[in-house]
């Protein structure tokens, strides 16, 4: 008897539940709080990049700044989730 393949929605719910458990146990933070901080950090990073470009900053420095600010929270989320699997 074959089992049904989990849908993307089911996989995302399972991932988010696991991440929420990890965040609550290690940092006493909910997933919603983490996602809010993550989105704010990424938005500030993009805004900082735009502002730096208006000040005639070096394009490579701006690219580095934006890359770190946008991908940093993603890497942190990955590390938190993989650490307790």
Foldseek 3Di string as FASTA:
>chain_A
DDDDDDDPVVVVVVLQVLLQVLCCVPPVDGSVVLVVVLVVQLVVQVVVLVVCVVVVHDPVVSVVSNCCSNCVSVVVSVCSNVVVD
